[in-house]
C-alpha cells in the first residue's frame, strides 16, 4: 500500500530496505515476520533488488511490495522515511549490498534507501545491515568499521548450524529472527542456544 501513513504517537514502525545483493529471501521473510508481530513495515527496494527478486524467487516486486504496510519508490526522496521527524524504531537493510553499505558509510546518499539509513544514524536509531559480500577487501572492512563506529549493527546473514536447520527457510528464519531481537521482538521461529538444556548434548556439572 503506497502513500503517507496516518500520524500516530510512538508506534511500532520498522523501515525495511532491500538492495541488490543476493539474499532477497531475507527481506521477504522479514516483511512476513513484521506482519506476524504486528509491526508496521515501511519498504523501499532498489532497482537491482527488484531484479534479484526475479532471479532468486518465484515472486515479482509487486507481490513483495504487497507484503509491506507502506511502500516507497527508491527515488521518492520526499517519502516520510527520509525525515528524522517521522518516528520509527529503526531500519533493517536485508540484504545490504556493498554499494548501499558504502553510501551509508560515507553519508553520500543517492537513493531513498540509503537516505533512510542515514536518518537512522543521525537520529541514533537502530540500523541493522545484513551485508552480503565475501570475501571482503580492505575498503569494505574500513567502511564497515566506520559504520560500527557510527552505531550501525553489522549483521551478515551467517547460518547458525547449532539450530540444526533442515531447509534454506530454516536458515533464513534464524537470521531474520536474530535481527528482530535487536528491536526487542521475540519471533517464535528462532531457535536459541541454551534455552532447552534438557535436549542439549551438554552434561550438568558433575555428571559423567
Foldseek 3Di string as FASTA:
>chain_A
DADADDDDPAFQEEEEEEEQDAFLVLSLVLLVLCVVVVHQYEYEYDPNRQVNCVVPHPDGPVVSCVSHNYYDYFAPCVHPLLDLVNDYQAYEYGAAELVLLQCLLVVVDDTNVSSSNVSCLVNVHEYEYQYDDPDDDPVSVVSVVSCVVSPYHYQHLDFDCVQVDDDVVLSSVQSSQVVVVVSVDHRPSHDDPPPCVVPDPDDPPPDD
